[in-house]
Amino acid sequence: MTPIGLFYGSDTGYTEIVVRLIEEEFSAINPNLLTVYNIADVPVTTMQTYDRLIIGCPTWDVGQLQADWDKAYDELDTLDLSGKEVAIFGLGDQYGYPDTYCDAIGILAEKLVSLGAELVGFTAAEGYEFTHSEGVKDGQFLGLALDEDNESEKSPQRVSDWVWQLVDEFDLVHYLDPVTA
């Protein structure tokens, strides 16, 4: 079993694009670090088998969870995530929905922390153009925020930086391939 489980939901395919970027970056570090699951295809209890989780969810409409995460949301209450480290990434449209940009990060962060999870992978909110986000606390996103609608060209570098941040925060240094380190 890999040390990290990545669970995502996607309706339009944009989140899947980001998942592939994350998968490629982790694979370049060590191909045995990450297993990817579409939350629509697995029971949420699968999350409990991992000590390190990455959660991916776009924000839909006006501050709502993606359909599969919305369906799984109440089922999350059956989990005990005590001792689990969780990193969240979210997608949103900062120009079309500036008052709810990447709210899904905050919605899921609050839920996962209430279940005992420890959040990691915070990123700076600087460099984005939005007016409000439930995914921001003390000037930082509670994960990685991406805008595939307007800034897809920034995503590869943001993902790469975030994955390397997670290598450190998840304490995966002993998994590093000496060639890529």
C-alpha atoms as a PDB file:
ATOM      1  CA  MET A   1       0.000   0.000   0.000  1.00  0.00           C
ATOM      2  CA  THR A   2       1.179   3.507  -0.781  1.00  0.00           C
ATOM      3  CA  PRO A   3       1.603   6.004   2.078  1.00  0.00           C
ATOM      4  CA  ILE A   4      -0.818   8.562   0.539  1.00  0.00           C
ATOM      5  CA  GLY A   5      -4.388   8.198  -0.657  1.00  0.00           C
ATOM      6  CA  LEU A   6      -5.694  10.923  -2.959  1.00  0.00           C
ATOM      7  CA  PHE A   7      -9.490  11.190  -3.117  1.00  0.00           C
ATOM      8  CA  TYR A   8     -11.144  13.546  -5.580  1.00  0.00           C
ATOM      9  CA  GLY A   9     -14.415  14.390  -7.249  1.00  0.00           C
ATOM     10  CA  SER A  10     -14.805  15.945 -10.695  1.00  0.00           C
ATOM     11  CA  ASP A  11     -17.709  16.847 -12.948  1.00  0.00           C
ATOM     12  CA  THR A  12     -16.044  18.762 -15.782  1.00  0.00           C
ATOM     13  CA  GLY A  13     -12.647  17.045 -15.825  1.00  0.00           C
ATOM     14  CA  TYR A  14     -10.661  20.034 -14.560  1.00  0.00           C
ATOM     15  CA  THR A  15     -10.050  18.410 -11.184  1.00  0.00           C
ATOM     16  CA  GLU A  16      -8.905  15.248 -12.966  1.00  0.00           C
ATOM     17  CA  ILE A  17      -6.362  17.339 -14.887  1.00  0.00           C
ATOM     18  CA  VAL A  18      -4.964  18.590 -11.584  1.00  0.00           C
ATOM     19  CA  VAL A  19      -4.984  15.061 -10.155  1.00  0.00           C
ATOM     20  CA  ARG A  20      -2.819  13.953 -13.091  1.00  0.00           C
ATOM     21  CA  LEU A  21      -0.387  16.824 -12.408  1.00  0.00           C
ATOM     22  CA  ILE A  22      -0.151  15.775  -8.752  1.00  0.00           C
ATOM     23  CA  GLU A  23       0.217  12.128  -9.734  1.00  0.00           C
ATOM     24  CA  GLU A  24       3.017  12.932 -12.205  1.00  0.00           C
ATOM     25  CA  GLU A  25       4.887  15.047  -9.662  1.00  0.00           C
ATOM     26  CA  PHE A  26       4.689  12.390  -6.956  1.00  0.00           C
ATOM     27  CA  SER A  27       5.605   9.683  -9.467  1.00  0.00           C
ATOM     28  CA  ALA A  28       8.757  11.581 -10.433  1.00  0.00           C
ATOM     29  CA  ILE A  29       9.713  11.613  -6.754  1.00  0.00           C
ATOM     30  CA  ASN A  30       8.795   7.986  -6.132  1.00  0.00           C
ATOM     31  CA  PRO A  31       6.159   5.987  -8.061  1.00  0.00           C
ATOM     32  CA  ASN A  32       5.086   4.181  -4.891  1.00  0.00           C
ATOM     33  CA  LEU A  33       3.857   7.192  -2.920  1.00  0.00           C
ATOM     34  CA  LEU A  34       0.319   7.783  -4.122  1.00  0.00           C
ATOM     35  CA  THR A  35      -2.874   5.895  -4.893  1.00  0.00           C
ATOM     36  CA  VAL A  36      -5.702   7.848  -6.552  1.00  0.00           C
ATOM     37  CA  TYR A  37      -9.426   7.288  -5.987  1.00  0.00           C
ATOM     38  CA  ASN A  38     -12.478   8.963  -7.462  1.00  0.00           C
ATOM     39  CA  ILE A  39     -14.775   9.473  -4.472  1.00  0.00           C
ATOM     40  CA  ALA A  40     -17.726   8.455  -6.672  1.00  0.00           C
ATOM     41  CA  ASP A  41     -16.255   4.959  -7.065  1.00  0.00           C
ATOM     42  CA  VAL A  42     -15.171   4.009  -3.528  1.00  0.00           C
ATOM     43  CA  PRO A  43     -16.711   4.033  -0.068  1.00  0.00           C
ATOM     44  CA  VAL A  44     -15.522   6.927   2.101  1.00  0.00           C
ATOM     45  CA  THR A  45     -14.276   4.348   4.614  1.00  0.00           C
ATOM     46  CA  THR A  46     -11.377   3.706   2.205  1.00  0.00           C
ATOM     47  CA  MET A  47      -9.933   6.979   3.477  1.00  0.00           C
ATOM     48  CA  GLN A  48      -9.328   5.427   6.894  1.00  0.00           C
ATOM     49  CA  THR A  49      -6.736   3.023   5.492  1.00  0.00           C
ATOM     50  CA  TYR A  50      -4.303   5.913   4.953  1.00  0.00           C
ATOM     51  CA  ASP A  51      -2.425   8.048   7.479  1.00  0.00           C
ATOM     52  CA  ARG A  52      -1.847  10.748   4.840  1.00  0.00           C
ATOM     53  CA  LEU A  53      -4.670  11.979   2.639  1.00  0.00           C
ATOM     54  CA  ILE A  54      -4.987  14.427  -0.211  1.00  0.00           C
ATOM     55  CA  ILE A  55      -8.524  15.596  -0.906  1.00  0.00           C
ATOM     56  CA  GLY A  56      -9.494  17.304  -4.173  1.00  0.00           C
ATOM     57  CA  CYS A  57     -12.789  19.125  -4.624  1.00  0.00           C
ATOM     58  CA  PRO A  58     -13.892  21.986  -6.873  1.00  0.00           C
ATOM     59  CA  THR A  59     -16.365  24.588  -5.663  1.00  0.00           C
ATOM     60  CA  TRP A  60     -19.615  24.566  -7.590  1.00  0.00           C
ATOM     61  CA  ASP A  61     -22.120  27.341  -8.157  1.00  0.00           C
ATOM     62  CA  VAL A  62     -22.210  29.676  -5.178  1.00  0.00           C
ATOM     63  CA  GLY A  63     -19.977  28.000  -2.604  1.00  0.00           C
ATOM     64  CA  GLN A  64     -21.154  24.405  -2.954  1.00  0.00           C
ATOM     65  CA  LEU A  65     -19.302  21.098  -2.969  1.00  0.00           C
ATOM     66  CA  GLN A  66     -18.873  19.109  -6.159  1.00  0.00           C
ATOM     67  CA  ALA A  67     -21.724  16.580  -6.603  1.00  0.00           C
ATOM     68  CA  ASP A  68     -19.833  13.446  -5.488  1.00  0.00           C
ATOM     69  CA  TRP A  69     -18.392  15.163  -2.415  1.00  0.00           C
ATOM     70  CA  ASP A  70     -21.808  16.600  -1.624  1.00  0.00           C
ATOM     71  CA  LYS A  71     -23.239  13.071  -1.730  1.00  0.00           C
ATOM     72  CA  ALA A  72     -20.410  11.712   0.466  1.00  0.00           C
ATOM     73  CA  TYR A  73     -20.385  14.649   2.899  1.00  0.00           C
ATOM     74  CA  ASP A  74     -22.670  13.184   5.573  1.00  0.00           C
ATOM     75  CA  GLU A  75     -21.005   9.766   5.255  1.00  0.00           C
ATOM     76  CA  LEU A  76     -17.734  11.387   6.335  1.00  0.00           C
ATOM     77  CA  ASP A  77     -19.226  11.568   9.846  1.00  0.00           C
ATOM     78  CA  THR A  78     -18.735   7.792  10.137  1.00  0.00           C
ATOM     79  CA  LEU A  79     -14.943   8.226   9.966  1.00  0.00           C
ATOM     80  CA  ASP A  80     -12.403   8.632  12.727  1.00  0.00           C
ATOM     81  CA  LEU A  81      -9.560  10.619  11.186  1.00  0.00           C
ATOM     82  CA  SER A  82      -7.617  11.066  14.423  1.00  0.00           C
ATOM     83  CA  GLY A  83      -3.903  11.054  13.687  1.00  0.00           C
ATOM     84  CA  LYS A  84      -4.440  11.468   9.925  1.00  0.00           C
ATOM     85  CA  GLU A  85      -2.669  14.258   8.053  1.00  0.00           C
ATOM     86  CA  VAL A  86      -4.856  15.781   5.356  1.00  0.00           C
ATOM     87  CA  ALA A  87      -3.994  18.167   2.544  1.00  0.00           C
ATOM     88  CA  ILE A  88      -6.800  19.682   0.473  1.00  0.00           C
ATOM     89  CA  PHE A  89      -6.760  21.178  -2.982  1.00  0.00           C
ATOM     90  CA  GLY A  90      -9.663  22.946  -4.570  1.00  0.00           C
ATOM     91  CA  LEU A  91     -10.619  24.520  -7.846  1.00  0.00           C
ATOM     92  CA  GLY A  92     -12.741  27.573  -8.398  1.00  0.00           C
ATOM     93  CA  ASP A  93     -13.384  30.552 -10.642  1.00  0.00           C
ATOM     94  CA  GLN A  94     -12.024  33.617  -8.890  1.00  0.00           C
ATOM     95  CA  TYR A  95     -13.504  36.033 -11.434  1.00  0.00           C
ATOM     96  CA  GLY A  96     -16.917  34.431 -11.970  1.00  0.00           C
ATOM     97  CA  TYR A  97     -17.446  33.644  -8.274  1.00  0.00           C
ATOM     98  CA  PRO A  98     -15.173  36.033  -6.337  1.00  0.00           C
ATOM     99  CA  ASP A  99     -17.303  35.840  -3.149  1.00  0.00           C
ATOM    100  CA  THR A 100     -17.123  32.026  -2.882  1.00  0.00           C
ATOM    101  CA  TYR A 101     -13.759  31.224  -4.489  1.00  0.00           C
ATOM    102  CA  CYS A 102     -12.606  27.737  -3.455  1.00  0.00           C
ATOM    103  CA  ASP A 103     -15.112  27.576  -0.590  1.00  0.00           C
ATOM    104  CA  ALA A 104     -15.016  23.778  -0.889  1.00  0.00           C
ATOM    105  CA  ILE A 105     -11.546  23.814   0.690  1.00  0.00           C
ATOM    106  CA  GLY A 106     -12.967  25.444   3.816  1.00  0.00           C
ATOM    107  CA  ILE A 107     -16.131  23.340   3.900  1.00  0.00           C
ATOM    108  CA  LEU A 108     -14.155  20.092   3.751  1.00  0.00           C
ATOM    109  CA  ALA A 109     -11.406  21.381   6.062  1.00  0.00           C
ATOM    110  CA  GLU A 110     -13.928  22.154   8.792  1.00  0.00           C
ATOM    111  CA  LYS A 111     -15.545  18.720   8.445  1.00  0.00           C
ATOM    112  CA  LEU A 112     -12.265  16.789   8.362  1.00  0.00           C
ATOM    113  CA  VAL A 113     -10.830  18.642  11.373  1.00  0.00           C
ATOM    114  CA  SER A 114     -14.046  17.890  13.303  1.00  0.00           C
ATOM    115  CA  LEU A 115     -13.322  14.200  12.602  1.00  0.00           C
ATOM    116  CA  GLY A 116      -9.815  14.482  14.095  1.00  0.00           C
ATOM    117  CA  ALA A 117      -7.698  15.206  11.016  1.00  0.00           C
ATOM    118  CA  GLU A 118      -4.678  17.485  11.109  1.00  0.00           C
ATOM    119  CA  LEU A 119      -4.539  19.848   8.136  1.00  0.00           C
ATOM    120  CA  VAL A 120      -1.304  20.402   6.232  1.00  0.00           C
ATOM    121  CA  GLY A 121      -0.425  22.006   2.916  1.00  0.00           C
ATOM    122  CA  PHE A 122      -1.541  25.595   3.553  1.00  0.00           C
ATOM    123  CA  THR A 123      -0.655  28.076   0.791  1.00  0.00           C
ATOM    124  CA  ALA A 124      -0.558  31.866   0.559  1.00  0.00           C
ATOM    125  CA  ALA A 125      -3.676  33.660  -0.649  1.00  0.00           C
ATOM    126  CA  GLU A 126      -1.529  36.329  -2.303  1.00  0.00           C
ATOM    127  CA  GLY A 127      -1.542  36.440  -6.092  1.00  0.00           C
ATOM    128  CA  TYR A 128      -5.234  35.624  -6.472  1.00  0.00           C
ATOM    129  CA  GLU A 129      -8.100  37.999  -7.244  1.00  0.00           C
ATOM    130  CA  PHE A 130     -11.186  37.199  -5.171  1.00  0.00           C
ATOM    131  CA  THR A 131     -13.139  38.952  -2.443  1.00  0.00           C
ATOM    132  CA  HIS A 132     -13.969  36.075  -0.068  1.00  0.00           C
ATOM    133  CA  SER A 133     -13.295  32.378   0.449  1.00  0.00           C
ATOM    134  CA  GLU A 134     -14.328  29.958   3.182  1.00  0.00           C
ATOM    135  CA  GLY A 135     -11.047  28.245   2.277  1.00  0.00           C
ATOM    136  CA  VAL A 136      -8.926  31.090   3.690  1.00  0.00           C
ATOM    137  CA  LYS A 137      -7.892  31.542   7.311  1.00  0.00           C
ATOM    138  CA  ASP A 138      -5.376  34.095   8.537  1.00  0.00           C
ATOM    139  CA  GLY A 139      -4.380  35.048   4.984  1.00  0.00           C
ATOM    140  CA  GLN A 140      -3.704  31.477   3.868  1.00  0.00           C
ATOM    141  CA  PHE A 141      -5.671  28.917   1.920  1.00  0.00           C
ATOM    142  CA  LEU A 142      -6.269  25.795   3.987  1.00  0.00           C
ATOM    143  CA  GLY A 143      -4.745  23.919   1.065  1.00  0.00           C
ATOM    144  CA  LEU A 144      -3.958  24.609  -2.572  1.00  0.00           C
ATOM    145  CA  ALA A 145      -6.328  26.826  -4.561  1.00  0.00           C
ATOM    146  CA  LEU A 146      -6.362  26.596  -8.343  1.00  0.00           C
ATOM    147  CA  ASP A 147      -8.315  28.366 -11.081  1.00  0.00           C
ATOM    148  CA  GLU A 148      -8.335  26.205 -14.195  1.00  0.00           C
ATOM    149  CA  ASP A 149     -10.885  28.525 -15.840  1.00  0.00           C
ATOM    150  CA  ASN A 150      -8.659  31.607 -15.789  1.00  0.00           C
ATOM    151  CA  GLU A 151      -5.122  30.640 -14.713  1.00  0.00           C
ATOM    152  CA  SER A 152      -4.491  27.092 -15.885  1.00  0.00           C
ATOM    153  CA  GLU A 153      -0.989  28.105 -16.971  1.00  0.00           C
ATOM    154  CA  LYS A 154      -0.100  28.677 -13.282  1.00  0.00           C
ATOM    155  CA  SER A 155      -1.311  25.265 -12.125  1.00  0.00           C
ATOM    156  CA  PRO A 156       1.737  23.124 -13.023  1.00  0.00           C
ATOM    157  CA  GLN A 157       4.113  25.281 -10.961  1.00  0.00           C
ATOM    158  CA  ARG A 158       1.643  25.683  -8.094  1.00  0.00           C
ATOM    159  CA  VAL A 159       1.102  21.906  -8.015  1.00  0.00           C
ATOM    160  CA  SER A 160       4.826  21.171  -8.154  1.00  0.00           C
ATOM    161  CA  ASP A 161       5.570  23.578  -5.302  1.00  0.00           C
ATOM    162  CA  TRP A 162       2.723  22.143  -3.250  1.00  0.00           C
ATOM    163  CA  VAL A 163       3.748  18.518  -3.788  1.00  0.00           C
ATOM    164  CA  TRP A 164       7.269  19.297  -2.590  1.00  0.00           C
ATOM    165  CA  GLN A 165       5.780  21.128   0.397  1.00  0.00           C
ATOM    166  CA  LEU A 166       3.762  17.984   1.156  1.00  0.00           C
ATOM    167  CA  VAL A 167       6.860  15.793   0.876  1.00  0.00           C
ATOM    168  CA  ASP A 168       8.245  17.854   3.750  1.00  0.00           C
ATOM    169  CA  GLU A 169       5.028  18.182   5.779  1.00  0.00           C
ATOM    170  CA  PHE A 170       4.085  14.505   5.319  1.00  0.00           C
ATOM    171  CA  ASP A 171       7.679  13.628   6.313  1.00  0.00           C
ATOM    172  CA  LEU A 172       8.331  11.615   3.151  1.00  0.00           C
ATOM    173  CA  VAL A 173      12.007  12.465   2.831  1.00  0.00           C
ATOM    174  CA  HIS A 174      13.006   8.809   3.263  1.00  0.00           C
ATOM    175  CA  TYR A 175      10.963   7.992   0.124  1.00  0.00           C
ATOM    176  CA  LEU A 176      12.922  10.371  -2.092  1.00  0.00           C
ATOM    177  CA  ASP A 177      14.713   9.027  -5.108  1.00  0.00           C
ATOM    178  CA  PRO A 178      18.324  10.299  -4.792  1.00  0.00           C
ATOM    179  CA  VAL A 179      18.212  11.306  -8.478  1.00  0.00           C
ATOM    180  CA  THR A 180      15.172  13.622  -8.078  1.00  0.00           C
ATOM    181  CA  ALA A 181      16.104  14.948  -4.635  1.00  0.00           C
END
